[in-house]
Amino acid sequence: MRKNSHKITTPQSLNAYIKGICDIMRRSGRAGALQYVPELTWMLFLRILDEKEEIEVEYTKALGREFIPSLQYPYRWRDWAAPDGEKRKELQEGTFGRFMSFVDGDLLPTLKKLKDKPGATPRQKVVSQVFSSFEKTGIDTERNLLDILDKIHELSLEQVEETHMFTLSQVYEGLIQKMGEKNNDGGQFFTPREVIRVMVKVIDPKIGETVYDPCCGTGGFLAQAYLHMNKNATIADDIETLKIRTFYGREKENLVYPIVLANLVLHEIDEPHIWHGNTLTGHEVYGGLFQSAPVLFDVVLTNPPFGGKEGKDARTHFAYKTSSTQVLFLQHVIDNLKNSGRCGIVMDEGVLFRTNEKAFVQTKRKLLSECNLYCIVSLPPKVFLNAGAASKTNLLFFTKGEQTKEIWYYDLSDLNVTKRQPLTMHHFEEFFKLLPEKKESEHSWKVPIEEIEEKNYDIKAVNPNRKIEEDTRSPQELLAIIESQQKEITNALSKLKDKGL
């Protein structure tokens, strides 16, 4: 395998390097992030997979065992994409255009059908699904495609220092975030990373527990849960459990489904059990990766789409009929949690305060009677604005199997969140100090279940401790201030006129 003369040693240099690859893609017909991120996904996935399996072959050989790779010649990265690959050399020595014909006419169709092979392994099924949305590459010329492949080939353990391989997944998540920026039609795919970190920290999933996201998007919750749990993996069995038997999700969007698989593999989750289809209707596109999923889950971490409307085919699956996507997802989450299972969910404000629609009230009553809704965090407006959604949102945390007696609220709604000043973990410092004992403060308070029942299950956060600053100045004082300012303005204008301005 070709060695480069330099190493990528900092997150900044890695970020700049991948930006360079995206620049080539942009000038090659993949203009926006919604186009070039999926294209980069399958290439980066094959690069990482090839190196991963090379290491696994050596490791199992040292243990005296046999390892059967997911891909064989000529479909491995080292065969057709590496600059010194045997298949690549053969294709480039032939007629111009043979390389592109191989990629579109042989490589992509073969990988796409891998799941249909007799005895296909779980990893082969993952590979197949990463290519489920691709008929052919969107790169415009063979030369540009080869340039991109050469650059991606440099992203190896040889060139990217091992301590920065996690950074590679972070950089990739940064690219995914670009898909979700406002006006990029991808907002439903992305939850701000700091919000995810807070939710994972509160729920604190443990090794041996199953983690589920019924609308997983690009896999942010599952990836962050893995990073959180992996810190406590001390023996080989722990690591195997995390990589193979822990993470489950569902995703509807054809564009996003391959990306969540690649993202989770990039985060070292070898077998991401992601079901492709509509969670609410049960319509399945592909369920082959979900066959070993348990009936109920220990942990749910999720952010249902805001403001969605479902048809009758979805409503028939639920006890309380409504077209509201969020309310149906909330019912789904409660029904799919084990007794003593824990959930962190993002919920828009409308669901919390609406009492004029029967299904909203019934679903909240179900939540409070079947679960202990022990905490609601009222987030600032605009937290999701950069992801294409302006809804006011809240974080709900609950445990199934015990009734709610009181809800502890924490209020962050006064924070001014902007693109340049996003919500960060720093803003949650007091929250994490107060949470263990549910202490009251200027930003936190408790509401008993009796009061919630009296309000017909309106559970919106209304901070009784908020200090309202009153202007105690008299009308005479205010008039004096206005007159003083008028004099200053008049004097300033006179000086300007004297100067001829």
Protein backbone atom coordinates (compact mmCIF):
# COMPACT_ATOMS: atom_id res chain seq x y z
CA MET A 1 0.00 0.00 0.00
CA ARG A 2 1.39 3.41 -0.95
CA LYS A 3 2.80 5.52 1.85
CA ASN A 4 2.51 9.28 1.95
CA SER A 5 5.39 11.48 2.99
CA HIS A 6 3.43 13.30 5.69
CA LYS A 7 1.11 12.43 8.54
CA ILE A 8 -2.15 14.14 9.38
CA THR A 9 -1.44 14.96 13.00
CA THR A 10 -4.05 17.51 14.11
CA PRO A 11 -7.85 17.75 13.96
CA GLN A 12 -7.44 21.00 12.02
CA SER A 13 -5.27 19.42 9.33
CA LEU A 14 -7.68 16.50 9.04
CA ASN A 15 -10.61 18.89 8.72
CA ALA A 16 -8.79 20.87 6.03
CA TYR A 17 -7.87 17.66 4.21
CA ILE A 18 -11.47 16.43 4.03
CA LYS A 19 -12.63 19.91 3.00
CA GLY A 20 -10.23 19.60 0.07
CA ILE A 21 -11.94 16.35 -0.98
CA CYS A 22 -15.35 18.06 -0.75
CA ASP A 23 -14.06 20.93 -2.91
CA ILE A 24 -13.22 18.46 -5.70
CA MET A 25 -16.67 16.90 -5.33
CA ARG A 26 -18.35 20.30 -5.55
CA ARG A 27 -16.63 21.11 -8.83
CA SER A 28 -17.42 17.61 -10.09
CA GLY A 29 -21.18 17.91 -10.18
CA ARG A 30 -21.92 17.33 -6.48
CA ALA A 31 -22.75 20.94 -5.65
CA GLY A 32 -24.41 20.94 -2.21
CA ALA A 33 -23.85 18.94 0.96
CA LEU A 34 -26.97 16.88 0.24
CA GLN A 35 -25.17 15.64 -2.88
CA TYR A 36 -21.53 15.34 -1.89
CA VAL A 37 -21.94 13.92 1.64
CA PRO A 38 -23.72 10.72 0.43
CA GLU A 39 -21.07 10.32 -2.29
CA LEU A 40 -18.23 10.78 0.20
CA THR A 41 -20.01 8.38 2.56
CA TRP A 42 -19.71 5.26 0.45
CA MET A 43 -16.12 5.98 -0.56
CA LEU A 44 -14.96 6.70 2.99
CA PHE A 45 -16.89 3.66 4.21
CA LEU A 46 -15.08 1.33 1.77
CA ARG A 47 -11.72 2.87 2.67
CA ILE A 48 -12.24 2.34 6.41
CA LEU A 49 -13.77 -1.12 5.90
CA ASP A 50 -10.79 -2.32 3.86
CA GLU A 51 -8.26 -1.20 6.44
CA LYS A 52 -10.41 -2.57 9.27
CA GLU A 53 -10.58 -6.00 7.63
CA GLU A 54 -6.83 -6.03 6.88
CA ILE A 55 -6.20 -5.56 10.60
CA GLU A 56 -8.78 -8.23 11.50
CA VAL A 57 -7.15 -10.75 9.14
CA GLU A 58 -3.79 -10.28 10.88
CA TYR A 59 -5.35 -10.39 14.34
CA THR A 60 -7.29 -13.63 13.77
CA LYS A 61 -4.28 -15.21 12.05
CA ALA A 62 -2.21 -14.51 15.18
CA LEU A 63 -4.89 -16.30 17.22
CA GLY A 64 -4.82 -19.25 14.83
CA ARG A 65 -8.33 -18.55 13.54
CA GLU A 66 -9.66 -17.83 10.06
CA PHE A 67 -11.27 -14.54 9.10
CA ILE A 68 -13.46 -14.30 6.00
CA PRO A 69 -13.49 -10.72 4.65
CA SER A 70 -16.75 -9.10 3.55
CA LEU A 71 -15.35 -8.35 0.08
CA GLN A 72 -13.15 -10.32 -2.30
CA TYR A 73 -11.05 -9.28 -5.30
CA PRO A 74 -11.66 -7.05 -7.26
CA TYR A 75 -14.15 -5.23 -5.00
CA ARG A 76 -11.87 -4.42 -2.05
CA TRP A 77 -10.63 -0.83 -1.86
CA ARG A 78 -7.02 -2.02 -2.20
CA ASP A 79 -7.90 -3.67 -5.54
CA TRP A 80 -9.76 -0.99 -7.50
CA ALA A 81 -9.31 2.34 -5.66
CA ALA A 82 -5.77 2.28 -4.23
CA PRO A 83 -3.28 3.97 -6.60
CA ASP A 84 -1.24 0.77 -6.83
CA GLY A 85 -4.27 -1.56 -6.88
CA GLU A 86 -4.11 -4.44 -9.36
CA LYS A 87 -7.63 -3.89 -10.73
CA ARG A 88 -7.14 -0.14 -10.99
CA LYS A 89 -3.94 -0.57 -13.00
CA GLU A 90 -5.67 -3.01 -15.33
CA LEU A 91 -8.60 -0.64 -15.89
CA GLN A 92 -6.40 2.41 -16.46
CA GLU A 93 -4.21 0.60 -18.96
CA GLY A 94 -7.27 -0.17 -21.10
CA THR A 95 -9.64 2.06 -23.05
CA PHE A 96 -10.44 5.46 -21.57
CA GLY A 97 -13.68 5.23 -19.58
CA ARG A 98 -13.20 1.63 -18.45
CA PHE A 99 -12.60 2.69 -14.86
CA MET A 100 -15.86 4.65 -14.62
CA SER A 101 -17.70 1.79 -16.34
CA PHE A 102 -16.36 -0.64 -13.72
CA VAL A 103 -17.52 1.56 -10.83
CA ASP A 104 -21.01 2.16 -12.24
CA GLY A 105 -21.59 -1.14 -14.02
CA ASP A 106 -19.87 -3.67 -11.76
CA LEU A 107 -18.72 -2.39 -8.34
CA LEU A 108 -21.86 -0.55 -7.18
CA PRO A 109 -24.38 -3.18 -8.43
CA THR A 110 -22.32 -6.02 -6.91
CA LEU A 111 -22.05 -4.36 -3.50
CA LYS A 112 -25.73 -3.44 -3.58
CA LYS A 113 -26.72 -7.10 -4.06
CA LEU A 114 -24.36 -8.46 -1.41
CA LYS A 115 -27.19 -8.98 1.08
CA ASP A 116 -28.83 -11.48 -1.31
CA LYS A 117 -25.85 -13.85 -1.30
CA PRO A 118 -26.58 -17.22 0.34
CA GLY A 119 -25.24 -17.04 3.89
CA ALA A 120 -24.57 -13.28 3.74
CA THR A 121 -22.89 -12.15 6.96
CA PRO A 122 -24.26 -9.27 9.10
CA ARG A 123 -21.42 -7.06 7.86
CA GLN A 124 -22.11 -7.94 4.21
CA LYS A 125 -25.72 -6.90 4.80
CA VAL A 126 -24.49 -3.57 6.21
CA VAL A 127 -22.22 -3.06 3.17
CA SER A 128 -25.14 -3.81 0.86
CA GLN A 129 -27.39 -1.29 2.59
CA VAL A 130 -24.76 1.46 2.51
CA PHE A 131 -25.14 1.23 -1.27
CA SER A 132 -28.92 0.91 -1.28
CA SER A 133 -29.51 4.43 -2.68
CA PHE A 134 -26.76 4.45 -5.32
CA GLU A 135 -27.30 3.50 -8.96
CA LYS A 136 -24.06 5.16 -10.11
CA THR A 137 -21.54 7.74 -9.02
CA GLY A 138 -22.47 11.39 -9.50
CA ILE A 139 -18.87 12.51 -10.10
CA ASP A 140 -18.73 14.01 -13.58
CA THR A 141 -15.40 12.74 -14.95
CA GLU A 142 -13.07 9.80 -14.48
CA ARG A 143 -10.16 12.15 -13.72
CA ASN A 144 -12.04 13.87 -10.89
CA LEU A 145 -13.16 10.49 -9.50
CA LEU A 146 -9.55 9.24 -9.47
CA ASP A 147 -8.39 12.46 -7.75
CA ILE A 148 -11.02 11.99 -5.03
CA LEU A 149 -10.11 8.32 -4.54
CA ASP A 150 -6.41 9.16 -4.27
CA LYS A 151 -7.12 11.73 -1.56
CA ILE A 152 -9.43 9.39 0.37
CA HIS A 153 -6.75 6.69 0.14
CA GLU A 154 -4.45 8.90 2.23
CA LEU A 155 -6.90 8.63 5.13
CA SER A 156 -5.34 5.54 6.64
CA LEU A 157 -4.00 4.59 10.05
CA GLU A 158 -0.55 5.07 8.56
CA GLN A 159 -1.24 8.70 7.69
CA VAL A 160 -3.80 9.72 10.33
CA GLU A 161 -2.23 9.25 13.73
CA GLU A 162 -4.19 6.66 15.66
CA THR A 163 -5.17 9.14 18.35
CA HIS A 164 -7.01 11.12 15.68
CA MET A 165 -9.09 8.33 14.14
CA PHE A 166 -11.97 9.39 16.39
CA THR A 167 -11.50 12.88 14.98
CA LEU A 168 -12.23 11.38 11.56
CA SER A 169 -15.69 10.46 12.80
CA GLN A 170 -16.09 13.95 14.26
CA VAL A 171 -15.13 15.54 10.95
CA TYR A 172 -17.61 13.29 9.20
CA GLU A 173 -20.33 14.38 11.63
CA GLY A 174 -19.45 17.97 10.76
CA LEU A 175 -20.17 17.13 7.13
CA ILE A 176 -23.48 15.55 8.15
CA GLN A 177 -24.31 18.76 10.00
CA LYS A 178 -23.92 20.66 6.73
CA MET A 179 -26.71 18.49 5.32
CA GLY A 180 -28.94 19.79 8.10
CA GLU A 181 -28.25 23.49 7.84
CA LYS A 182 -31.12 25.85 7.16
CA ASN A 183 -32.21 26.04 3.51
CA ASN A 184 -30.42 22.76 2.77
CA ASP A 185 -33.58 20.63 3.06
CA GLY A 186 -31.91 18.30 5.54
CA GLY A 187 -32.90 19.78 8.90
CA GLN A 188 -34.83 16.72 9.99
CA PHE A 189 -31.63 14.68 9.90
CA PHE A 190 -29.58 16.53 12.47
CA THR A 191 -29.81 17.17 16.23
CA PRO A 192 -27.23 19.60 17.69
CA ARG A 193 -24.42 17.52 19.15
CA GLU A 194 -24.41 19.33 22.51
CA VAL A 195 -28.10 18.53 23.03
CA ILE A 196 -27.34 14.86 22.34
CA ARG A 197 -24.43 14.85 24.81
CA VAL A 198 -26.62 16.29 27.57
CA MET A 199 -29.35 13.71 26.96
CA VAL A 200 -26.91 10.79 26.91
CA LYS A 201 -25.24 12.01 30.10
CA VAL A 202 -28.60 12.23 31.92
CA ILE A 203 -29.81 8.78 30.78
CA ASP A 204 -26.35 7.23 31.31
CA PRO A 205 -26.74 3.96 29.30
CA LYS A 206 -24.72 1.03 30.71
CA ILE A 207 -22.89 -1.82 28.94
CA GLY A 208 -25.32 -4.71 28.58
CA GLU A 209 -28.31 -2.41 27.99
CA THR A 210 -29.90 -2.01 24.56
CA VAL A 211 -30.16 1.49 23.09
CA TYR A 212 -32.90 2.36 20.58
CA ASP A 213 -33.74 5.39 18.43
CA PRO A 214 -36.98 4.98 16.42
CA CYS A 215 -36.19 7.90 14.08
CA CYS A 216 -32.41 7.82 14.15
CA GLY A 217 -31.52 10.14 11.25
CA THR A 218 -27.77 10.03 10.75
CA GLY A 219 -27.26 8.15 14.04
CA GLY A 220 -26.12 10.96 16.34
CA PHE A 221 -27.77 9.55 19.49
CA LEU A 222 -26.51 6.01 18.89
CA ALA A 223 -22.96 7.17 18.09
CA GLN A 224 -22.81 9.39 21.18
CA ALA A 225 -24.23 6.61 23.37
CA TYR A 226 -21.47 4.32 22.08
CA LEU A 227 -18.77 6.87 22.95
CA HIS A 228 -20.29 7.30 26.42
CA MET A 229 -20.53 3.56 27.10
CA ASN A 230 -17.19 2.65 25.55
CA LYS A 231 -15.35 4.60 28.26
CA ASN A 232 -16.44 1.88 30.69
CA ALA A 233 -15.55 -1.11 28.48
CA THR A 234 -12.82 -2.97 30.37
CA ILE A 235 -12.87 -6.50 28.94
CA ALA A 236 -13.19 -8.03 25.46
CA ASP A 237 -16.78 -9.15 26.14
CA ASP A 238 -17.80 -5.55 26.90
CA ILE A 239 -16.35 -4.34 23.61
CA GLU A 240 -18.00 -7.13 21.63
CA THR A 241 -21.36 -6.40 23.30
CA LEU A 242 -21.12 -2.73 22.33
CA LYS A 243 -20.05 -3.42 18.76
CA ILE A 244 -22.59 -6.17 18.03
CA ARG A 245 -25.54 -6.37 20.44
CA THR A 246 -26.33 -2.88 21.70
CA PHE A 247 -27.51 -0.33 19.13
CA TYR A 248 -30.84 -0.40 17.32
CA GLY A 249 -32.67 2.18 15.25
CA ARG A 250 -35.19 2.89 12.52
CA GLU A 251 -34.90 5.36 9.64
CA LYS A 252 -37.35 6.18 6.86
CA GLU A 253 -35.40 8.43 4.48
CA ASN A 254 -33.68 6.65 1.57
CA LEU A 255 -30.98 9.33 1.44
CA VAL A 256 -30.17 9.07 5.14
CA TYR A 257 -30.33 5.31 5.71
CA PRO A 258 -26.92 4.54 4.11
CA ILE A 259 -25.38 7.48 5.96
CA VAL A 260 -26.45 6.29 9.41
CA LEU A 261 -24.95 2.86 8.70
CA ALA A 262 -21.64 4.33 7.52
CA ASN A 263 -21.56 6.80 10.40
CA LEU A 264 -22.03 4.07 13.02
CA VAL A 265 -19.42 1.78 11.41
CA LEU A 266 -17.05 4.75 11.39
CA HIS A 267 -17.72 5.02 15.15
CA GLU A 268 -16.61 1.37 15.46
CA ILE A 269 -20.10 -0.13 15.84
CA ASP A 270 -19.55 -3.25 13.73
CA GLU A 271 -23.19 -4.30 13.55
CA PRO A 272 -25.59 -1.34 13.60
CA HIS A 273 -29.09 -2.84 13.68
CA ILE A 274 -30.94 -0.24 11.64
CA TRP A 275 -34.38 -0.97 10.19
CA HIS A 276 -35.24 0.86 6.96
CA GLY A 277 -38.86 1.92 6.70
CA ASN A 278 -41.64 3.99 8.27
CA THR A 279 -41.65 3.38 12.03
CA LEU A 280 -45.21 4.65 12.49
CA THR A 281 -46.92 2.73 9.68
CA GLY A 282 -44.71 -0.35 9.97
CA HIS A 283 -44.02 -0.25 6.22
CA GLU A 284 -40.65 -1.99 5.78
CA VAL A 285 -38.15 -1.30 3.02
CA TYR A 286 -35.43 -3.53 4.48
CA GLY A 287 -35.40 -5.22 7.88
CA GLY A 288 -32.50 -7.61 7.44
CA LEU A 289 -30.26 -5.79 9.93
CA PHE A 290 -32.99 -5.69 12.59
CA GLN A 291 -33.80 -9.39 12.80
CA SER A 292 -32.03 -9.90 16.14
CA ALA A 293 -33.65 -6.85 17.75
CA PRO A 294 -35.32 -7.38 21.14
CA VAL A 295 -39.05 -6.74 21.54
CA LEU A 296 -38.46 -4.04 24.18
CA PHE A 297 -35.46 -1.81 24.91
CA ASP A 298 -33.58 -0.64 28.02
CA VAL A 299 -32.87 2.88 26.74
CA VAL A 300 -34.51 5.16 24.17
CA LEU A 301 -32.77 8.36 23.00
CA THR A 302 -34.53 10.21 20.21
CA ASN A 303 -35.69 13.42 18.55
CA PRO A 304 -38.93 12.86 16.59
CA PRO A 305 -39.53 15.12 13.56
CA PHE A 306 -41.28 18.42 14.40
CA GLY A 307 -44.66 19.27 12.97
CA GLY A 308 -45.14 16.15 10.86
CA LYS A 309 -48.58 14.91 9.85
CA GLU A 310 -49.37 11.21 9.49
CA GLY A 311 -52.13 9.54 7.50
CA LYS A 312 -54.69 6.96 8.59
CA ASP A 313 -52.32 4.04 7.91
CA ALA A 314 -50.11 5.28 10.77
CA ARG A 315 -52.92 6.09 13.19
CA THR A 316 -54.35 2.56 13.08
CA HIS A 317 -51.28 1.27 14.94
CA PHE A 318 -51.89 3.46 18.01
CA ALA A 319 -54.38 3.58 20.87
CA TYR A 320 -54.80 7.37 20.67
CA LYS A 321 -55.50 8.53 17.12
CA THR A 322 -53.90 11.73 15.86
CA SER A 323 -52.07 12.98 12.79
CA SER A 324 -49.32 14.50 14.98
CA THR A 325 -46.02 12.72 14.30
CA GLN A 326 -44.54 13.67 17.69
CA VAL A 327 -47.51 12.36 19.67
CA LEU A 328 -47.49 9.05 17.78
CA PHE A 329 -43.73 8.70 18.34
CA LEU A 330 -44.22 9.39 22.06
CA GLN A 331 -46.75 6.54 22.21
CA HIS A 332 -44.33 4.31 20.26
CA VAL A 333 -41.49 5.08 22.66
CA ILE A 334 -43.54 4.29 25.78
CA ASP A 335 -44.75 1.02 24.23
CA ASN A 336 -41.22 -0.04 23.24
CA LEU A 337 -39.53 0.57 26.60
CA LYS A 338 -38.94 -2.25 29.08
CA ASN A 339 -40.23 -1.84 32.63
CA SER A 340 -37.57 0.31 34.36
CA GLY A 341 -36.39 1.38 30.88
CA ARG A 342 -35.24 5.01 30.54
CA CYS A 343 -35.89 7.61 27.87
CA GLY A 344 -34.56 11.00 26.83
CA ILE A 345 -36.66 12.62 24.10
CA VAL A 346 -36.79 16.05 22.41
CA MET A 347 -40.37 17.34 22.29
CA ASP A 348 -41.71 20.57 20.81
CA GLU A 349 -43.63 22.95 23.07
CA GLY A 350 -46.98 22.41 21.35
CA VAL A 351 -47.23 18.83 22.58
CA LEU A 352 -46.65 19.99 26.16
CA PHE A 353 -49.31 22.70 26.40
CA ARG A 354 -52.03 21.52 24.03
CA THR A 355 -55.13 20.35 25.88
CA ASN A 356 -57.71 20.93 23.14
CA GLU A 357 -57.07 17.67 21.27
CA LYS A 358 -58.09 14.42 22.90
CA ALA A 359 -55.11 12.33 21.70
CA PHE A 360 -52.61 14.86 23.09
CA VAL A 361 -54.21 14.71 26.55
CA GLN A 362 -54.60 10.91 26.45
CA THR A 363 -50.95 10.42 25.44
CA LYS A 364 -49.68 12.69 28.21
CA ARG A 365 -51.92 10.92 30.72
CA LYS A 366 -50.46 7.59 29.51
CA LEU A 367 -46.94 9.01 29.91
CA LEU A 368 -47.56 10.21 33.48
CA SER A 369 -49.43 7.09 34.61
CA GLU A 370 -47.10 4.49 33.07
CA CYS A 371 -43.81 6.38 33.52
CA ASN A 372 -42.09 8.67 35.98
CA LEU A 373 -41.57 11.88 34.00
CA TYR A 374 -39.00 13.16 36.48
CA CYS A 375 -37.50 16.04 34.49
CA ILE A 376 -38.36 18.56 31.76
CA VAL A 377 -35.74 20.98 30.48
CA SER A 378 -37.13 24.05 28.71
CA LEU A 379 -34.61 24.84 25.96
CA PRO A 380 -33.99 28.32 24.52
CA PRO A 381 -35.80 29.30 21.32
CA LYS A 382 -33.77 28.78 18.13
CA VAL A 383 -31.75 25.78 19.39
CA PHE A 384 -32.83 23.93 16.24
CA LEU A 385 -32.93 26.97 13.95
CA ASN A 386 -29.66 26.04 12.22
CA ALA A 387 -31.12 22.59 11.58
CA GLY A 388 -34.07 24.10 9.71
CA ALA A 389 -36.62 24.12 12.57
CA ALA A 390 -37.72 27.18 14.54
CA SER A 391 -39.90 25.29 17.06
CA LYS A 392 -39.50 25.95 20.81
CA THR A 393 -38.34 22.63 22.26
CA ASN A 394 -38.00 20.75 25.54
CA LEU A 395 -36.10 17.72 26.77
CA LEU A 396 -38.19 15.09 28.56
CA PHE A 397 -36.61 12.41 30.75
CA PHE A 398 -38.64 9.52 32.12
CA THR A 399 -38.48 5.97 33.48
CA LYS A 400 -41.13 3.39 32.63
CA GLY A 401 -42.92 1.32 35.27
CA GLU A 402 -43.66 3.90 37.96
CA GLN A 403 -46.18 6.72 38.08
CA THR A 404 -45.20 10.39 38.02
CA LYS A 405 -45.68 12.09 41.38
CA GLU A 406 -44.07 15.39 40.49
CA ILE A 407 -42.08 16.89 37.62
CA TRP A 408 -38.84 18.78 38.22
CA TYR A 409 -38.36 21.56 35.67
CA TYR A 410 -35.20 23.36 34.63
CA ASP A 411 -35.51 26.57 32.58
CA LEU A 412 -32.99 27.69 29.95
CA SER A 413 -35.52 29.58 27.85
CA ASP A 414 -34.01 33.02 28.57
CA LEU A 415 -30.73 32.16 26.84
CA ASN A 416 -30.14 33.86 23.50
CA VAL A 417 -28.87 31.13 21.17
CA THR A 418 -27.44 32.09 17.78
CA LYS A 419 -25.37 30.39 15.09
CA ARG A 420 -22.22 32.02 16.48
CA GLN A 421 -23.23 31.43 20.11
CA PRO A 422 -24.79 27.94 20.16
CA LEU A 423 -26.02 26.04 23.18
CA THR A 424 -23.10 24.25 24.89
CA MET A 425 -22.48 21.89 27.82
CA HIS A 426 -21.35 24.96 29.79
CA HIS A 427 -24.97 26.17 29.87
CA PHE A 428 -25.97 22.95 31.67
CA GLU A 429 -23.45 23.15 34.54
CA GLU A 430 -26.01 24.24 37.15
CA PHE A 431 -28.57 21.76 35.75
CA PHE A 432 -26.25 18.80 36.39
CA LYS A 433 -25.45 20.05 39.91
CA LEU A 434 -29.14 20.34 40.84
CA LEU A 435 -30.48 17.27 39.00
CA PRO A 436 -29.46 14.48 41.47
CA GLU A 437 -31.56 15.94 44.31
CA LYS A 438 -33.99 17.92 42.07
CA LYS A 439 -33.16 21.12 43.97
CA GLU A 440 -35.08 24.33 43.44
CA SER A 441 -33.41 27.53 42.25
CA GLU A 442 -34.06 30.61 40.16
CA HIS A 443 -34.12 28.27 37.13
CA SER A 444 -35.71 25.15 38.64
CA TRP A 445 -38.92 24.19 40.41
CA LYS A 446 -41.30 21.27 41.01
CA VAL A 447 -44.92 20.74 40.03
CA PRO A 448 -46.97 17.99 41.74
CA ILE A 449 -49.10 15.58 39.68
CA GLU A 450 -52.32 16.96 41.24
CA GLU A 451 -51.64 20.39 39.79
CA ILE A 452 -50.91 18.88 36.36
CA GLU A 453 -54.16 16.90 36.43
CA GLU A 454 -56.08 20.07 37.36
CA LYS A 455 -54.60 21.78 34.28
CA ASN A 456 -55.77 18.89 32.07
CA TYR A 457 -52.18 17.71 31.50
CA ASP A 458 -50.71 21.01 30.36
CA ILE A 459 -47.07 20.29 31.26
CA LYS A 460 -45.44 23.34 29.67
CA ALA A 461 -42.61 24.89 31.71
CA VAL A 462 -43.74 28.15 33.33
CA ASN A 463 -41.04 29.35 35.70
CA PRO A 464 -42.59 30.73 38.94
CA ASN A 465 -39.16 31.91 40.14
CA ARG A 466 -38.34 34.09 37.15
CA LYS A 467 -37.38 37.57 38.31
CA ILE A 468 -39.12 40.27 36.31
CA GLU A 469 -37.15 43.49 36.39
CA GLU A 470 -39.52 46.43 36.91
CA ASP A 471 -38.67 49.97 35.94
CA THR A 472 -39.26 51.87 39.20
CA ARG A 473 -38.39 55.31 37.82
CA SER A 474 -41.13 57.98 38.08
CA PRO A 475 -42.63 59.67 34.97
CA GLN A 476 -40.79 62.89 35.95
CA GLU A 477 -37.43 61.07 36.05
CA LEU A 478 -38.06 59.49 32.65
CA LEU A 479 -39.02 62.87 31.12
CA ALA A 480 -35.82 64.41 32.52
CA ILE A 481 -33.72 61.64 30.91
CA ILE A 482 -35.47 62.15 27.54
CA GLU A 483 -34.93 65.94 27.68
CA SER A 484 -31.24 65.46 28.53
CA GLN A 485 -30.77 63.09 25.57
CA GLN A 486 -32.58 65.54 23.26
CA LYS A 487 -30.14 68.30 24.27
CA GLU A 488 -27.16 66.01 23.52
CA ILE A 489 -28.59 65.21 20.08
CA THR A 490 -29.26 68.92 19.33
CA ASN A 491 -25.69 69.86 20.33
CA ALA A 492 -24.21 67.08 18.19
CA LEU A 493 -26.27 68.17 15.15
CA SER A 494 -25.16 71.81 15.60
CA LYS A 495 -21.48 70.77 15.60
CA LEU A 496 -21.96 68.76 12.44
CA LYS A 497 -23.68 71.70 10.70
CA ASP A 498 -20.85 74.05 11.74
CA LYS A 499 -18.42 71.70 9.97
CA GLY A 500 -20.55 71.84 6.84
CA LEU A 501 -21.71 68.24 7.09
